[in-house]
PDB file of N, CA and C in Angstrom:
ATOM      1  N   MET A   1     -10.647 -33.796  -5.562  1.00  0.00           N
ATOM      2  CA  MET A   1     -10.231 -34.434  -4.324  1.00  0.00           C
ATOM      3  C   MET A   1     -11.412 -35.227  -3.747  1.00  0.00           C
ATOM      4  N   PRO A   2     -11.174 -36.477  -3.315  1.00  0.00           N
ATOM      5  CA  PRO A   2     -12.277 -37.274  -2.785  1.00  0.00           C
ATOM      6  C   PRO A   2     -12.754 -36.766  -1.425  1.00  0.00           C
ATOM      7  N   LYS A   3     -13.967 -37.197  -1.078  1.00  0.00           N
ATOM      8  CA  LYS A   3     -14.527 -36.806   0.211  1.00  0.00           C
ATOM      9  C   LYS A   3     -13.758 -37.467   1.342  1.00  0.00           C
ATOM     10  N   MET A   4     -13.744 -36.809   2.503  1.00  0.00           N
ATOM     11  CA  MET A   4     -13.141 -37.395   3.695  1.00  0.00           C
ATOM     12  C   MET A   4     -14.102 -38.437   4.254  1.00  0.00           C
ATOM     13  N   LYS A   5     -13.575 -39.604   4.576  1.00  0.00           N
ATOM     14  CA  LYS A   5     -14.419 -40.638   5.161  1.00  0.00           C
ATOM     15  C   LYS A   5     -14.433 -40.493   6.676  1.00  0.00           C
ATOM     16  N   THR A   6     -15.565 -40.824   7.263  1.00  0.00           N
ATOM     17  CA  THR A   6     -15.697 -40.835   8.719  1.00  0.00           C
ATOM     18  C   THR A   6     -14.904 -42.011   9.269  1.00  0.00           C
ATOM     19  N   HIS A   7     -14.129 -41.771  10.318  1.00  0.00           N
ATOM     20  CA  HIS A   7     -13.408 -42.848  10.990  1.00  0.00           C
ATOM     21  C   HIS A   7     -14.423 -43.566  11.870  1.00  0.00           C
ATOM     22  N   LYS A   8     -14.793 -44.791  11.495  1.00  0.00           N
ATOM     23  CA  LYS A   8     -15.897 -45.483  12.155  1.00  0.00           C
ATOM     24  C   LYS A   8     -15.603 -45.815  13.616  1.00  0.00           C
ATOM     25  N   GLY A   9     -14.331 -46.034  13.958  1.00  0.00           N
ATOM     26  CA  GLY A   9     -13.973 -46.281  15.354  1.00  0.00           C
ATOM     27  C   GLY A   9     -14.267 -45.061  16.210  1.00  0.00           C
ATOM     28  N   ALA A  10     -13.951 -43.877  15.690  1.00  0.00           N
ATOM     29  CA  ALA A  10     -14.215 -42.637  16.418  1.00  0.00           C
ATOM     30  C   ALA A  10     -15.714 -42.362  16.489  1.00  0.00           C
ATOM     31  N   ALA A  11     -16.426 -42.666  15.409  1.00  0.00           N
ATOM     32  CA  ALA A  11     -17.869 -42.409  15.376  1.00  0.00           C
ATOM     33  C   ALA A  11     -18.606 -43.231  16.427  1.00  0.00           C
ATOM     34  N   LYS A  12     -18.092 -44.427  16.740  1.00  0.00           N
ATOM     35  CA  LYS A  12     -18.733 -45.285  17.731  1.00  0.00           C
ATOM     36  C   LYS A  12     -18.403 -44.863  19.163  1.00  0.00           C
ATOM     37  N   ARG A  13     -17.279 -44.187  19.355  1.00  0.00           N
ATOM     38  CA  ARG A  13     -16.823 -43.864  20.710  1.00  0.00           C
ATOM     39  C   ARG A  13     -17.178 -42.459  21.173  1.00  0.00           C
ATOM     40  N   PHE A  14     -17.448 -41.564  20.256  1.00  0.00           N
ATOM     41  CA  PHE A  14     -17.706 -40.167  20.602  1.00  0.00           C
ATOM     42  C   PHE A  14     -19.024 -39.733  19.990  1.00  0.00           C
ATOM     43  N   ARG A  15     -19.632 -38.711  20.606  1.00  0.00           N
ATOM     44  CA  ARG A  15     -20.826 -38.133  20.009  1.00  0.00           C
ATOM     45  C   ARG A  15     -20.775 -36.622  20.158  1.00  0.00           C
ATOM     46  N   ARG A  16     -21.407 -35.945  19.227  1.00  0.00           N
ATOM     47  CA  ARG A  16     -21.405 -34.494  19.227  1.00  0.00           C
ATOM     48  C   ARG A  16     -22.727 -34.000  19.795  1.00  0.00           C
ATOM     49  N   THR A  17     -22.681 -33.014  20.686  1.00  0.00           N
ATOM     50  CA  THR A  17     -23.902 -32.450  21.255  1.00  0.00           C
ATOM     51  C   THR A  17     -24.472 -31.417  20.300  1.00  0.00           C
ATOM     52  N   GLY A  18     -25.631 -30.907  20.620  1.00  0.00           N
ATOM     53  CA  GLY A  18     -26.255 -29.887  19.788  1.00  0.00           C
ATOM     54  C   GLY A  18     -25.440 -28.617  19.710  1.00  0.00           C
ATOM     55  N   SER A  19     -24.713 -28.303  20.772  1.00  0.00           N
ATOM     56  CA  SER A  19     -23.900 -27.086  20.788  1.00  0.00           C
ATOM     57  C   SER A  19     -22.519 -27.307  20.180  1.00  0.00           C
ATOM     58  N   GLY A  20     -22.215 -28.557  19.769  1.00  0.00           N
ATOM     59  CA  GLY A  20     -20.953 -28.817  19.080  1.00  0.00           C
ATOM     60  C   GLY A  20     -19.859 -29.413  19.951  1.00  0.00           C
ATOM     61  N   LYS A  21     -20.136 -29.633  21.234  1.00  0.00           N
ATOM     62  CA  LYS A  21     -19.125 -30.251  22.099  1.00  0.00           C
ATOM     63  C   LYS A  21     -19.028 -31.740  21.794  1.00  0.00           C
ATOM     64  N   ILE A  22     -17.874 -32.334  22.084  1.00  0.00           N
ATOM     65  CA  ILE A  22     -17.673 -33.762  21.881  1.00  0.00           C
ATOM     66  C   ILE A  22     -17.746 -34.457  23.234  1.00  0.00           C
ATOM     67  N   MET A  23     -18.623 -35.464  23.329  1.00  0.00           N
ATOM     68  CA  MET A  23     -18.794 -36.211  24.573  1.00  0.00           C
ATOM     69  C   MET A  23     -18.124 -37.576  24.437  1.00  0.00           C
ATOM     70  N   HIS A  24     -17.641 -38.102  25.565  1.00  0.00           N
ATOM     71  CA  HIS A  24     -17.019 -39.424  25.548  1.00  0.00           C
ATOM     72  C   HIS A  24     -17.335 -40.164  26.839  1.00  0.00           C
ATOM     73  N   ALA A  25     -17.271 -41.501  26.766  1.00  0.00           N
ATOM     74  CA  ALA A  25     -17.490 -42.341  27.942  1.00  0.00           C
ATOM     75  C   ALA A  25     -16.168 -42.506  28.689  1.00  0.00           C
ATOM     76  N   HIS A  26     -16.253 -42.830  29.959  1.00  0.00           N
ATOM     77  CA  HIS A  26     -15.055 -43.018  30.768  1.00  0.00           C
ATOM     78  C   HIS A  26     -14.441 -44.394  30.545  1.00  0.00           C
ATOM     79  N   ALA A  27     -13.152 -44.467  30.710  1.00  0.00           N
ATOM     80  CA  ALA A  27     -12.434 -45.738  30.631  1.00  0.00           C
ATOM     81  C   ALA A  27     -12.426 -46.401  32.017  1.00  0.00           C
ATOM     82  N   PHE A  28     -11.845 -47.585  32.119  1.00  0.00           N
ATOM     83  CA  PHE A  28     -11.631 -48.328  33.379  1.00  0.00           C
ATOM     84  C   PHE A  28     -12.913 -48.859  34.009  1.00  0.00           C
ATOM     85  N   LYS A  29     -13.955 -49.083  33.227  1.00  0.00           N
ATOM     86  CA  LYS A  29     -15.234 -49.535  33.761  1.00  0.00           C
ATOM     87  C   LYS A  29     -15.485 -51.016  33.473  1.00  0.00           C
ATOM     88  N   SER A  30     -14.640 -51.652  32.651  1.00  0.00           N
ATOM     89  CA  SER A  30     -14.992 -52.972  32.139  1.00  0.00           C
ATOM     90  C   SER A  30     -14.585 -54.153  33.013  1.00  0.00           C
ATOM     91  N   HIS A  31     -13.469 -54.093  33.688  1.00  0.00           N
ATOM     92  CA  HIS A  31     -13.053 -55.250  34.492  1.00  0.00           C
ATOM     93  C   HIS A  31     -12.153 -54.806  35.633  1.00  0.00           C
ATOM     94  N   ILE A  32     -11.810 -55.751  36.504  1.00  0.00           N
ATOM     95  CA  ILE A  32     -11.048 -55.489  37.748  1.00  0.00           C
ATOM     96  C   ILE A  32     -11.751 -54.410  38.568  1.00  0.00           C
ATOM     97  N   LEU A  33     -13.050 -54.620  38.814  1.00  0.00           N
ATOM     98  CA  LEU A  33     -13.843 -53.632  39.538  1.00  0.00           C
ATOM     99  C   LEU A  33     -13.803 -53.844  41.043  1.00  0.00           C
ATOM    100  N   THR A  34     -13.269 -54.972  41.499  1.00  0.00           N
ATOM    101  CA  THR A  34     -13.301 -55.271  42.932  1.00  0.00           C
ATOM    102  C   THR A  34     -12.425 -54.318  43.737  1.00  0.00           C
ATOM    103  N   LYS A  35     -11.356 -53.831  43.146  1.00  0.00           N
ATOM    104  CA  LYS A  35     -10.473 -52.924  43.888  1.00  0.00           C
ATOM    105  C   LYS A  35     -10.885 -51.457  43.775  1.00  0.00           C
ATOM    106  N   LYS A  36     -11.904 -51.163  42.968  1.00  0.00           N
ATOM    107  CA  LYS A  36     -12.371 -49.788  42.800  1.00  0.00           C
ATOM    108  C   LYS A  36     -13.595 -49.582  43.680  1.00  0.00           C
ATOM    109  N   ASN A  37     -13.635 -48.456  44.390  1.00  0.00           N
ATOM    110  CA  ASN A  37     -14.778 -48.238  45.277  1.00  0.00           C
ATOM    111  C   ASN A  37     -16.020 -47.845  44.484  1.00  0.00           C
ATOM    112  N   GLN A  38     -17.199 -47.979  45.116  1.00  0.00           N
ATOM    113  CA  GLN A  38     -18.470 -47.805  44.414  1.00  0.00           C
ATOM    114  C   GLN A  38     -18.667 -46.388  43.893  1.00  0.00           C
ATOM    115  N   LYS A  39     -18.177 -45.422  44.646  1.00  0.00           N
ATOM    116  CA  LYS A  39     -18.314 -44.033  44.205  1.00  0.00           C
ATOM    117  C   LYS A  39     -17.553 -43.820  42.898  1.00  0.00           C
ATOM    118  N   ARG A  40     -16.392 -44.414  42.804  1.00  0.00           N
ATOM    119  CA  ARG A  40     -15.575 -44.288  41.590  1.00  0.00           C
ATOM    120  C   ARG A  40     -16.249 -44.991  40.411  1.00  0.00           C
ATOM    121  N   ILE A  41     -16.790 -46.181  40.653  1.00  0.00           N
ATOM    122  CA  ILE A  41     -17.453 -46.940  39.591  1.00  0.00           C
ATOM    123  C   ILE A  41     -18.691 -46.180  39.093  1.00  0.00           C
ATOM    124  N   ARG A  42     -19.462 -45.585  40.009  1.00  0.00           N
ATOM    125  CA  ARG A  42     -20.639 -44.809  39.615  1.00  0.00           C
ATOM    126  C   ARG A  42     -20.248 -43.615  38.747  1.00  0.00           C
ATOM    127  N   SER A  43     -19.113 -43.000  39.073  1.00  0.00           N
ATOM    128  CA  SER A  43     -18.689 -41.821  38.312  1.00  0.00           C
ATOM    129  C   SER A  43     -18.276 -42.180  36.885  1.00  0.00           C
ATOM    130  N   PHE A  44     -17.919 -43.441  36.629  1.00  0.00           N
ATOM    131  CA  PHE A  44     -17.565 -43.880  35.283  1.00  0.00           C
ATOM    132  C   PHE A  44     -18.786 -43.939  34.363  1.00  0.00           C
ATOM    133  N   ARG A  45     -19.998 -43.990  34.926  1.00  0.00           N
ATOM    134  CA  ARG A  45     -21.208 -44.103  34.113  1.00  0.00           C
ATOM    135  C   ARG A  45     -21.467 -42.861  33.282  1.00  0.00           C
ATOM    136  N   GLU A  46     -21.165 -41.702  33.847  1.00  0.00           N
ATOM    137  CA  GLU A  46     -21.494 -40.437  33.195  1.00  0.00           C
ATOM    138  C   GLU A  46     -20.566 -40.170  32.021  1.00  0.00           C
ATOM    139  N   GLU A  47     -21.110 -39.600  30.965  1.00  0.00           N
ATOM    140  CA  GLU A  47     -20.268 -39.123  29.879  1.00  0.00           C
ATOM    141  C   GLU A  47     -19.688 -37.785  30.293  1.00  0.00           C
ATOM    142  N   SER A  48     -18.548 -37.418  29.711  1.00  0.00           N
ATOM    143  CA  SER A  48     -17.982 -36.113  30.006  1.00  0.00           C
ATOM    144  C   SER A  48     -17.523 -35.448  28.719  1.00  0.00           C
ATOM    145  N   VAL A  49     -17.301 -34.151  28.806  1.00  0.00           N
ATOM    146  CA  VAL A  49     -16.904 -33.360  27.642  1.00  0.00           C
ATOM    147  C   VAL A  49     -15.417 -33.557  27.396  1.00  0.00           C
ATOM    148  N   LEU A  50     -15.055 -33.744  26.152  1.00  0.00           N
ATOM    149  CA  LEU A  50     -13.661 -33.928  25.762  1.00  0.00           C
ATOM    150  C   LEU A  50     -12.927 -32.595  25.845  1.00  0.00           C
ATOM    151  N   GLU A  51     -11.668 -32.622  26.230  1.00  0.00           N
ATOM    152  CA  GLU A  51     -10.861 -31.404  26.318  1.00  0.00           C
ATOM    153  C   GLU A  51     -10.686 -30.805  24.919  1.00  0.00           C
ATOM    154  N   PRO A  52     -10.549 -29.474  24.824  1.00  0.00           N
ATOM    155  CA  PRO A  52     -10.493 -28.814  23.510  1.00  0.00           C
ATOM    156  C   PRO A  52      -9.383 -29.322  22.581  1.00  0.00           C
ATOM    157  N   GLY A  53      -8.221 -29.616  23.123  1.00  0.00           N
ATOM    158  CA  GLY A  53      -7.120 -30.112  22.287  1.00  0.00           C
ATOM    159  C   GLY A  53      -7.426 -31.468  21.688  1.00  0.00           C
ATOM    160  N   ASP A  54      -8.032 -32.342  22.486  1.00  0.00           N
ATOM    161  CA  ASP A  54      -8.404 -33.666  21.992  1.00  0.00           C
ATOM    162  C   ASP A  54      -9.614 -33.580  21.065  1.00  0.00           C
ATOM    163  N   ALA A  55     -10.503 -32.647  21.352  1.00  0.00           N
ATOM    164  CA  ALA A  55     -11.713 -32.500  20.542  1.00  0.00           C
ATOM    165  C   ALA A  55     -11.374 -32.108  19.108  1.00  0.00           C
ATOM    166  N   ALA A  56     -10.314 -31.347  18.923  1.00  0.00           N
ATOM    167  CA  ALA A  56      -9.913 -30.939  17.572  1.00  0.00           C
ATOM    168  C   ALA A  56      -9.533 -32.152  16.738  1.00  0.00           C
ATOM    169  N   VAL A  57      -8.831 -33.097  17.330  1.00  0.00           N
ATOM    170  CA  VAL A  57      -8.414 -34.309  16.627  1.00  0.00           C
ATOM    171  C   VAL A  57      -9.629 -35.178  16.316  1.00  0.00           C
ATOM    172  N   VAL A  58     -10.496 -35.351  17.291  1.00  0.00           N
ATOM    173  CA  VAL A  58     -11.670 -36.214  17.126  1.00  0.00           C
ATOM    174  C   VAL A  58     -12.623 -35.625  16.090  1.00  0.00           C
ATOM    175  N   THR A  59     -12.770 -34.307  16.062  1.00  0.00           N
ATOM    176  CA  THR A  59     -13.658 -33.655  15.113  1.00  0.00           C
ATOM    177  C   THR A  59     -13.244 -33.962  13.679  1.00  0.00           C
ATOM    178  N   LYS A  60     -11.954 -33.954  13.416  1.00  0.00           N
ATOM    179  CA  LYS A  60     -11.456 -34.295  12.083  1.00  0.00           C
ATOM    180  C   LYS A  60     -11.824 -35.720  11.716  1.00  0.00           C
ATOM    181  N   ARG A  61     -11.661 -36.629  12.663  1.00  0.00           N
ATOM    182  CA  ARG A  61     -11.926 -38.042  12.383  1.00  0.00           C
ATOM    183  C   ARG A  61     -13.411 -38.324  12.222  1.00  0.00           C
ATOM    184  N   MET A  62     -14.271 -37.559  12.887  1.00  0.00           N
ATOM    185  CA  MET A  62     -15.705 -37.810  12.812  1.00  0.00           C
ATOM    186  C   MET A  62     -16.317 -37.273  11.529  1.00  0.00           C
ATOM    187  N   GLY A  63     -15.581 -36.489  10.784  1.00  0.00           N
ATOM    188  CA  GLY A  63     -16.119 -35.948   9.542  1.00  0.00           C
ATOM    189  C   GLY A  63     -16.969 -34.724   9.803  1.00  0.00           C
ATOM    190  N   ARG A  64     -17.556 -34.223   8.757  1.00  0.00           N
ATOM    191  CA  ARG A  64     -18.312 -32.980   8.869  1.00  0.00           C
ATOM    192  C   ARG A  64     -19.727 -33.195   9.334  1.00  0.00           C
ATOM    193  N   GLY A  65     -20.284 -34.361   9.106  1.00  0.00           N
ATOM    194  CA  GLY A  65     -21.661 -34.604   9.496  1.00  0.00           C
ATOM    195  C   GLY A  65     -22.619 -34.039   8.453  1.00  0.00           C
ATOM    196  N   ARG A  66     -23.883 -34.097   8.739  1.00  0.00           N
ATOM    197  CA  ARG A  66     -24.883 -33.625   7.784  1.00  0.00           C
ATOM    198  C   ARG A  66     -25.207 -32.168   8.045  1.00  0.00           C
ATOM    199  N   LYS A  67     -25.392 -31.446   6.988  1.00  0.00           N
ATOM    200  CA  LYS A  67     -25.857 -30.079   7.114  1.00  0.00           C
ATOM    201  C   LYS A  67     -27.353 -30.056   6.910  1.00  0.00           C
ATOM    202  N   LYS A  68     -28.033 -29.212   7.644  1.00  0.00           N
ATOM    203  CA  LYS A  68     -29.476 -29.091   7.475  1.00  0.00           C
ATOM    204  C   LYS A  68     -29.741 -28.316   6.194  1.00  0.00           C
ATOM    205  N   SER A  69     -30.610 -28.843   5.381  1.00  0.00           N
ATOM    206  CA  SER A  69     -30.940 -28.158   4.149  1.00  0.00           C
ATOM    207  C   SER A  69     -32.137 -27.240   4.388  1.00  0.00           C
ATOM    208  N   VAL A  70     -32.080 -26.074   3.804  1.00  0.00           N
ATOM    209  CA  VAL A  70     -33.157 -25.110   3.948  1.00  0.00           C
ATOM    210  C   VAL A  70     -33.909 -25.069   2.637  1.00  0.00           C
ATOM    211  N   HIS A  71     -35.222 -25.329   2.678  1.00  0.00           N
ATOM    212  CA  HIS A  71     -36.042 -25.322   1.449  1.00  0.00           C
ATOM    213  C   HIS A  71     -36.898 -24.090   1.405  1.00  0.00           C
TER     214      HIS A  71
END
């Protein structure tokens, strides 16, 4: 059976932390900002942890990643 390929779209949008959580950027930050208040726009800057149900799907798409080799 061939290796699973990393879904490159998912790899660019999500990142895995050292503890294994999946982080993602907020949506709605790119345009039509005049009607959004500054507090809301500032909150879009921070990354947040993906919910467990969504993280399961994203983890599959991101592939297994590299394992540390022990010599």
